């Protein structure tokens, strides 16, 4: 009876250890996914910036023209380009926030898993020792 209870404690500790390992794996998977997304976002930001700067160049040049109509046209175009850039960056920023949150959640899961793993290993060690002691005392009493 005591042996069965001790074995049950060992099994429960094993289950907690398995659960902790799963948390760590899931957390690390989420972290890896978020890292990949952030790398993609970095490249996307570079493209947005590159597109922005290449599209404003000719209009900035035209702004130095002596013809007032050309200057006005350039100002209007630059305003459109700035608006588009701000919208693109807003979308990018939202994607970045989502990826960052995903990364932080993955990190929390992995940390929680490591903490649980540590506790589970300790409780398993204690449960195994108790089981051994009970089995020894049972053998002696036979």
Protein backbone atom coordinates (compact mmCIF):
# COMPACT_ATOMS: atom_id res chain seq x y z
CA UNK A 1 0.00 0.00 0.00
CA UNK A 2 2.76 2.43 0.95
CA UNK A 3 4.79 1.23 -2.02
CA UNK A 4 1.89 1.96 -4.38
CA UNK A 5 1.51 5.46 -2.95
CA UNK A 6 5.23 6.10 -3.35
CA UNK A 7 5.16 4.80 -6.94
CA UNK A 8 2.22 7.10 -7.63
CA UNK A 9 4.25 10.06 -6.37
CA UNK A 10 7.11 9.13 -8.70
CA UNK A 11 4.67 8.89 -11.63
CA UNK A 12 3.19 12.28 -10.77
CA UNK A 13 6.67 13.80 -10.67
CA UNK A 14 7.39 12.22 -14.08
CA UNK A 15 4.21 13.74 -15.47
CA UNK A 16 5.19 17.18 -14.14
CA UNK A 17 8.64 16.77 -15.68
CA UNK A 18 7.10 15.85 -19.03
CA UNK A 19 4.77 18.86 -18.83
CA UNK A 20 7.70 21.16 -18.04
CA UNK A 21 9.70 19.78 -20.97
CA UNK A 22 6.71 20.41 -23.25
CA UNK A 23 6.44 24.01 -22.05
CA UNK A 24 10.12 24.56 -22.76
CA UNK A 25 9.82 23.09 -26.27
CA UNK A 26 6.72 25.13 -27.10
CA UNK A 27 8.30 28.31 -25.71
CA UNK A 28 11.50 27.80 -27.67
CA UNK A 29 9.49 27.08 -30.82
CA UNK A 30 7.56 30.31 -30.41
CA UNK A 31 10.80 32.22 -29.80
CA UNK A 32 12.32 30.79 -32.99
CA UNK A 33 9.19 31.69 -34.97
CA UNK A 34 9.18 35.24 -33.60
CA UNK A 35 12.90 35.60 -34.37
CA UNK A 36 12.27 34.61 -37.98
CA UNK A 37 9.38 37.07 -38.21
CA UNK A 38 11.53 39.86 -36.77
CA UNK A 39 14.27 39.13 -39.30
CA UNK A 40 11.69 39.33 -42.08
CA UNK A 41 10.39 42.58 -40.61
CA UNK A 42 13.89 44.03 -40.53
CA UNK A 43 14.25 43.27 -44.23
CA UNK A 44 10.78 44.68 -44.89
CA UNK A 45 11.70 47.91 -43.10
CA UNK A 46 14.85 48.23 -45.19
CA UNK A 47 12.73 47.84 -48.34
CA UNK A 48 10.21 50.45 -47.16
CA UNK A 49 13.02 52.90 -46.39
CA UNK A 50 14.79 52.19 -49.67
CA UNK A 51 11.56 52.69 -51.63
CA UNK A 52 10.82 55.91 -49.74
CA UNK A 53 14.22 57.48 -50.29
CA UNK A 54 14.39 56.52 -53.95
CA UNK A 55 10.91 57.95 -54.58
CA UNK A 56 11.57 61.31 -52.89
CA UNK A 57 14.89 61.98 -54.61
CA UNK A 58 13.58 63.27 -57.95
CA UNK A 59 10.88 65.37 -56.23
CA UNK A 60 13.38 66.95 -53.87
CA UNK A 61 15.46 67.86 -56.90
CA UNK A 62 12.41 69.35 -58.61
CA UNK A 63 11.69 71.42 -55.50
CA UNK A 64 14.80 73.47 -56.25
CA UNK A 65 13.39 74.48 -59.62
CA UNK A 66 12.78 78.13 -60.42
CA UNK A 67 9.36 77.30 -61.88
CA UNK A 68 6.74 77.77 -59.14
CA UNK A 69 4.35 75.21 -60.70
CA UNK A 70 7.06 72.54 -60.63
CA UNK A 71 7.89 73.38 -57.00
CA UNK A 72 4.22 73.14 -56.01
CA UNK A 73 3.87 69.83 -57.83
CA UNK A 74 6.98 68.51 -56.07
CA UNK A 75 5.65 69.59 -52.66
CA UNK A 76 2.34 67.83 -53.32
CA UNK A 77 4.07 64.64 -54.46
CA UNK A 78 6.43 64.69 -51.48
CA UNK A 79 3.44 65.04 -49.17
CA UNK A 80 1.79 62.00 -50.81
CA UNK A 81 4.99 59.99 -50.52
CA UNK A 82 5.39 60.98 -46.84
CA UNK A 83 1.81 59.95 -46.11
CA UNK A 84 2.32 56.58 -47.81
CA UNK A 85 5.59 56.08 -45.91
CA UNK A 86 3.90 56.84 -42.59
CA UNK A 87 1.07 54.40 -43.38
CA UNK A 88 3.56 51.70 -44.39
CA UNK A 89 5.55 52.24 -41.20
CA UNK A 90 2.38 52.12 -39.11
CA UNK A 91 1.50 48.73 -40.60
CA UNK A 92 5.09 47.58 -40.12
CA UNK A 93 5.08 48.79 -36.52
CA UNK A 94 1.91 46.84 -35.76
CA UNK A 95 3.44 43.67 -37.21
CA UNK A 96 6.57 44.29 -35.14
CA UNK A 97 4.54 44.68 -31.94
CA UNK A 98 2.76 41.38 -32.63
CA UNK A 99 6.09 39.60 -33.19
CA UNK A 100 7.61 41.16 -30.11
CA UNK A 101 4.65 40.05 -28.01
CA UNK A 102 4.95 36.55 -29.47
CA UNK A 103 8.66 36.51 -28.58
CA UNK A 104 7.95 37.64 -25.02
CA UNK A 105 5.22 35.02 -24.60
CA UNK A 106 7.59 32.32 -25.86
CA UNK A 107 10.23 33.49 -23.43
CA UNK A 108 7.72 33.41 -20.54
CA UNK A 109 6.66 29.87 -21.47
CA UNK A 110 10.24 28.64 -21.68
CA UNK A 111 11.14 30.28 -18.36
CA UNK A 112 8.07 28.85 -16.67
CA UNK A 113 8.92 25.44 -18.11
CA UNK A 114 12.47 25.63 -16.78
CA UNK A 115 11.22 26.61 -13.33
CA UNK A 116 8.68 23.77 -13.36
CA UNK A 117 11.35 21.38 -14.62
CA UNK A 118 13.62 22.27 -11.73
CA UNK A 119 10.80 21.72 -9.19
CA UNK A 120 9.72 18.48 -10.88
CA UNK A 121 13.27 17.06 -10.88
CA UNK A 122 13.56 17.85 -7.19
CA UNK A 123 10.21 16.28 -6.32
CA UNK A 124 11.04 13.23 -8.44
CA UNK A 125 14.33 12.80 -6.63
CA UNK A 126 12.54 13.00 -3.26
CA UNK A 127 9.78 10.62 -4.40
CA UNK A 128 12.31 8.08 -5.73
CA UNK A 129 14.27 8.20 -2.48
CA UNK A 130 11.08 7.71 -0.46
CA UNK A 131 10.11 4.75 -2.69
CA UNK A 132 13.54 3.17 -2.19
CA UNK A 133 13.31 3.63 1.57
CA UNK A 134 9.83 2.10 1.68
CA UNK A 135 10.94 -0.84 -0.48
CA UNK A 136 14.00 -1.44 1.79
CA UNK A 137 11.90 -1.33 4.94
CA UNK A 138 9.38 -3.70 3.34
CA UNK A 139 12.18 -6.17 2.51
CA UNK A 140 13.52 -5.98 6.06
CA UNK A 141 10.13 -6.69 7.57
CA UNK A 142 9.68 -9.85 5.48
